[in-house]
């Protein structure tokens, strides 16, 4: 019984760690995408100016 609880707790911790990592990756991806879009807009504005 104790071993089962330990195993379940370890699995839960792993799942939490994976979820946290996934959230961090999503935030980084969103930031990178926003930065790329902003850069594209600036480049487009520069091209229109010329």
PDB file of N, CA and C in Angstrom:
ATOM      1  N   UNK A   1       0.841  -1.189   0.000  1.00  0.00           N
ATOM      2  CA  UNK A   1       0.000   0.000   0.000  1.00  0.00           C
ATOM      3  C   UNK A   1       0.887   1.254   0.000  1.00  0.00           C
ATOM      4  N   UNK A   2       1.918   1.234   0.845  1.00  0.00           N
ATOM      5  CA  UNK A   2       2.799   2.391   0.922  1.00  0.00           C
ATOM      6  C   UNK A   2       3.554   2.592  -0.397  1.00  0.00           C
ATOM      7  N   UNK A   3       3.987   1.488  -0.991  1.00  0.00           N
ATOM      8  CA  UNK A   3       4.715   1.572  -2.261  1.00  0.00           C
ATOM      9  C   UNK A   3       3.810   2.131  -3.357  1.00  0.00           C
ATOM     10  N   UNK A   4       2.548   1.739  -3.344  1.00  0.00           N
ATOM     11  CA  UNK A   4       1.601   2.244  -4.341  1.00  0.00           C
ATOM     12  C   UNK A   4       1.406   3.749  -4.194  1.00  0.00           C
ATOM     13  N   UNK A   5       1.305   4.199  -2.936  1.00  0.00           N
ATOM     14  CA  UNK A   5       1.147   5.635  -2.694  1.00  0.00           C
ATOM     15  C   UNK A   5       2.383   6.405  -3.146  1.00  0.00           C
ATOM     16  N   UNK A   6       3.555   5.842  -2.867  1.00  0.00           N
ATOM     17  CA  UNK A   6       4.801   6.492  -3.273  1.00  0.00           C
ATOM     18  C   UNK A   6       4.874   6.586  -4.795  1.00  0.00           C
ATOM     19  N   UNK A   7       4.479   5.498  -5.460  1.00  0.00           N
ATOM     20  CA  UNK A   7       4.511   5.478  -6.921  1.00  0.00           C
ATOM     21  C   UNK A   7       3.525   6.500  -7.489  1.00  0.00           C
ATOM     22  N   UNK A   8       2.324   6.544  -6.931  1.00  0.00           N
ATOM     23  CA  UNK A   8       1.309   7.484  -7.400  1.00  0.00           C
ATOM     24  C   UNK A   8       1.775   8.921  -7.186  1.00  0.00           C
ATOM     25  N   UNK A   9       2.394   9.167  -6.047  1.00  0.00           N
ATOM     26  CA  UNK A   9       2.879  10.519  -5.746  1.00  0.00           C
ATOM     27  C   UNK A   9       4.000  10.919  -6.711  1.00  0.00           C
ATOM     28  N   UNK A  10       4.881   9.980  -7.009  1.00  0.00           N
ATOM     29  CA  UNK A  10       5.971  10.255  -7.948  1.00  0.00           C
ATOM     30  C   UNK A  10       5.414  10.541  -9.340  1.00  0.00           C
ATOM     31  N   UNK A  11       4.417   9.784  -9.742  1.00  0.00           N
ATOM     32  CA  UNK A  11       3.802  10.011 -11.052  1.00  0.00           C
ATOM     33  C   UNK A  11       3.124  11.380 -11.103  1.00  0.00           C
ATOM     34  N   UNK A  12       2.481  11.756 -10.001  1.00  0.00           N
ATOM     35  CA  UNK A  12       1.816  13.052  -9.943  1.00  0.00           C
ATOM     36  C   UNK A  12       2.840  14.187 -10.027  1.00  0.00           C
ATOM     37  N   UNK A  13       3.949  14.028  -9.317  1.00  0.00           N
ATOM     38  CA  UNK A  13       5.001  15.047  -9.377  1.00  0.00           C
ATOM     39  C   UNK A  13       5.556  15.172 -10.792  1.00  0.00           C
ATOM     40  N   UNK A  14       5.763  14.039 -11.446  1.00  0.00           N
ATOM     41  CA  UNK A  14       6.264  14.051 -12.823  1.00  0.00           C
ATOM     42  C   UNK A  14       5.271  14.754 -13.748  1.00  0.00           C
ATOM     43  N   UNK A  15       3.998  14.446 -13.588  1.00  0.00           N
ATOM     44  CA  UNK A  15       2.968  15.079 -14.417  1.00  0.00           C
ATOM     45  C   UNK A  15       2.955  16.589 -14.185  1.00  0.00           C
ATOM     46  N   UNK A  16       3.098  17.006 -12.924  1.00  0.00           N
ATOM     47  CA  UNK A  16       3.131  18.439 -12.619  1.00  0.00           C
ATOM     48  C   UNK A  16       4.344  19.103 -13.255  1.00  0.00           C
ATOM     49  N   UNK A  17       5.483  18.422 -13.185  1.00  0.00           N
ATOM     50  CA  UNK A  17       6.704  18.964 -13.780  1.00  0.00           C
ATOM     51  C   UNK A  17       6.551  19.112 -15.295  1.00  0.00           C
ATOM     52  N   UNK A  18       5.964  18.094 -15.916  1.00  0.00           N
ATOM     53  CA  UNK A  18       5.748  18.145 -17.362  1.00  0.00           C
ATOM     54  C   UNK A  18       4.788  19.272 -17.735  1.00  0.00           C
ATOM     55  N   UNK A  19       3.744  19.451 -16.945  1.00  0.00           N
ATOM     56  CA  UNK A  19       2.776  20.515 -17.216  1.00  0.00           C
ATOM     57  C   UNK A  19       3.434  21.887 -17.082  1.00  0.00           C
ATOM     58  N   UNK A  20       4.268  22.046 -16.068  1.00  0.00           N
ATOM     59  CA  UNK A  20       4.972  23.310 -15.874  1.00  0.00           C
ATOM     60  C   UNK A  20       5.894  23.592 -17.047  1.00  0.00           C
ATOM     61  N   UNK A  21       6.614  22.570 -17.475  1.00  0.00           N
ATOM     62  CA  UNK A  21       7.517  22.719 -18.614  1.00  0.00           C
ATOM     63  C   UNK A  21       6.736  23.090 -19.866  1.00  0.00           C
ATOM     64  N   UNK A  22       5.592  22.471 -20.054  1.00  0.00           N
ATOM     65  CA  UNK A  22       4.755  22.761 -21.226  1.00  0.00           C
ATOM     66  C   UNK A  22       4.283  24.211 -21.209  1.00  0.00           C
ATOM     67  N   UNK A  23       3.853  24.692 -20.028  1.00  0.00           N
ATOM     68  CA  UNK A  23       3.405  26.085 -19.911  1.00  0.00           C
ATOM     69  C   UNK A  23       4.541  27.053 -20.235  1.00  0.00           C
ATOM     70  N   UNK A  24       5.732  26.766 -19.691  1.00  0.00           N
ATOM     71  CA  UNK A  24       6.880  27.634 -19.961  1.00  0.00           C
ATOM     72  C   UNK A  24       7.201  27.655 -21.452  1.00  0.00           C
ATOM     73  N   UNK A  25       7.140  26.494 -22.090  1.00  0.00           N
ATOM     74  CA  UNK A  25       7.421  26.410 -23.526  1.00  0.00           C
ATOM     75  C   UNK A  25       6.381  27.202 -24.317  1.00  0.00           C
ATOM     76  N   UNK A  26       5.122  27.119 -23.910  1.00  0.00           N
ATOM     77  CA  UNK A  26       4.065  27.866 -24.600  1.00  0.00           C
ATOM     78  C   UNK A  26       4.300  29.375 -24.490  1.00  0.00           C
ATOM     79  N   UNK A  27       4.710  29.825 -23.307  1.00  0.00           N
ATOM     80  CA  UNK A  27       4.972  31.250 -23.105  1.00  0.00           C
ATOM     81  C   UNK A  27       6.144  31.693 -23.970  1.00  0.00           C
ATOM     82  N   UNK A  28       7.208  30.900 -23.971  1.00  0.00           N
ATOM     83  CA  UNK A  28       8.378  31.247 -24.790  1.00  0.00           C
ATOM     84  C   UNK A  28       8.014  31.278 -26.270  1.00  0.00           C
ATOM     85  N   UNK A  29       7.221  30.318 -26.698  1.00  0.00           N
ATOM     86  CA  UNK A  29       6.806  30.258 -28.101  1.00  0.00           C
ATOM     87  C   UNK A  29       5.975  31.492 -28.463  1.00  0.00           C
ATOM     88  N   UNK A  30       5.057  31.868 -27.586  1.00  0.00           N
ATOM     89  CA  UNK A  30       4.210  33.035 -27.841  1.00  0.00           C
ATOM     90  C   UNK A  30       5.051  34.308 -27.896  1.00  0.00           C
ATOM     91  N   UNK A  31       6.022  34.423 -26.992  1.00  0.00           N
ATOM     92  CA  UNK A  31       6.893  35.599 -27.002  1.00  0.00           C
ATOM     93  C   UNK A  31       7.709  35.666 -28.286  1.00  0.00           C
ATOM     94  N   UNK A  32       8.226  34.538 -28.713  1.00  0.00           N
ATOM     95  CA  UNK A  32       9.020  34.499 -29.942  1.00  0.00           C
ATOM     96  C   UNK A  32       8.164  34.870 -31.149  1.00  0.00           C
ATOM     97  N   UNK A  33       6.942  34.369 -31.176  1.00  0.00           N
ATOM     98  CA  UNK A  33       6.046  34.674 -32.292  1.00  0.00           C
ATOM     99  C   UNK A  33       5.711  36.164 -32.326  1.00  0.00           C
ATOM    100  N   UNK A  34       5.441  36.743 -31.161  1.00  0.00           N
ATOM    101  CA  UNK A  34       5.130  38.171 -31.093  1.00  0.00           C
ATOM    102  C   UNK A  34       6.325  38.999 -31.555  1.00  0.00           C
ATOM    103  N   UNK A  35       7.504  38.592 -31.142  1.00  0.00           N
ATOM    104  CA  UNK A  35       8.716  39.313 -31.539  1.00  0.00           C
ATOM    105  C   UNK A  35       8.918  39.240 -33.058  1.00  0.00           C
ATOM    106  N   UNK A  36       8.684  38.065 -33.628  1.00  0.00           N
ATOM    107  CA  UNK A  36       8.832  37.907 -35.076  1.00  0.00           C
ATOM    108  C   UNK A  36       7.822  38.772 -35.827  1.00  0.00           C
ATOM    109  N   UNK A  37       6.575  38.805 -35.349  1.00  0.00           N
ATOM    110  CA  UNK A  37       5.548  39.621 -36.001  1.00  0.00           C
ATOM    111  C   UNK A  37       5.901  41.098 -35.914  1.00  0.00           C
ATOM    112  N   UNK A  38       6.384  41.517 -34.750  1.00  0.00           N
ATOM    113  CA  UNK A  38       6.771  42.913 -34.572  1.00  0.00           C
ATOM    114  C   UNK A  38       7.916  43.271 -35.522  1.00  0.00           C
ATOM    115  N   UNK A  39       8.869  42.384 -35.651  1.00  0.00           N
ATOM    116  CA  UNK A  39       9.996  42.605 -36.555  1.00  0.00           C
ATOM    117  C   UNK A  39       9.506  42.690 -38.006  1.00  0.00           C
ATOM    118  N   UNK A  40       8.570  41.840 -38.369  1.00  0.00           N
ATOM    119  CA  UNK A  40       8.023  41.851 -39.728  1.00  0.00           C
ATOM    120  C   UNK A  40       7.305  43.166 -40.008  1.00  0.00           C
ATOM    121  N   UNK A  41       6.577  43.665 -39.033  1.00  0.00           N
ATOM    122  CA  UNK A  41       5.865  44.938 -39.208  1.00  0.00           C
ATOM    123  C   UNK A  41       6.865  46.065 -39.411  1.00  0.00           C
ATOM    124  N   UNK A  42       7.917  46.092 -38.574  1.00  0.00           N
ATOM    125  CA  UNK A  42       8.927  47.144 -38.715  1.00  0.00           C
ATOM    126  C   UNK A  42       9.612  47.070 -40.077  1.00  0.00           C
ATOM    127  N   UNK A  43       9.931  45.869 -40.505  1.00  0.00           N
ATOM    128  CA  UNK A  43      10.580  45.687 -41.804  1.00  0.00           C
ATOM    129  C   UNK A  43       9.660  46.153 -42.926  1.00  0.00           C
ATOM    130  N   UNK A  44       8.391  45.820 -42.821  1.00  0.00           N
ATOM    131  CA  UNK A  44       7.416  46.235 -43.827  1.00  0.00           C
ATOM    132  C   UNK A  44       7.291  47.756 -43.864  1.00  0.00           C
ATOM    133  N   UNK A  45       7.250  48.383 -42.696  1.00  0.00           N
ATOM    134  CA  UNK A  45       7.157  49.842 -42.638  1.00  0.00           C
ATOM    135  C   UNK A  45       8.388  50.479 -43.271  1.00  0.00           C
ATOM    136  N   UNK A  46       9.553  49.901 -42.996  1.00  0.00           N
ATOM    137  CA  UNK A  46      10.789  50.413 -43.586  1.00  0.00           C
ATOM    138  C   UNK A  46      10.759  50.280 -45.107  1.00  0.00           C
ATOM    139  N   UNK A  47      10.266  49.152 -45.586  1.00  0.00           N
ATOM    140  CA  UNK A  47      10.190  48.924 -47.030  1.00  0.00           C
ATOM    141  C   UNK A  47       9.215  49.905 -47.673  1.00  0.00           C
ATOM    142  N   UNK A  48       8.108  50.188 -47.004  1.00  0.00           N
ATOM    143  CA  UNK A  48       7.135  51.149 -47.529  1.00  0.00           C
ATOM    144  C   UNK A  48       7.726  52.554 -47.570  1.00  0.00           C
ATOM    145  N   UNK A  49       8.564  52.869 -46.618  1.00  0.00           N
ATOM    146  CA  UNK A  49       9.188  54.192 -46.548  1.00  0.00           C
ATOM    147  C   UNK A  49      10.116  54.415 -47.737  1.00  0.00           C
ATOM    148  N   UNK A  50      10.815  53.354 -48.115  1.00  0.00           N
ATOM    149  CA  UNK A  50      11.749  53.440 -49.251  1.00  0.00           C
ATOM    150  C   UNK A  50      10.929  53.457 -50.492  1.00  0.00           C
TER     151      UNK A  50
END
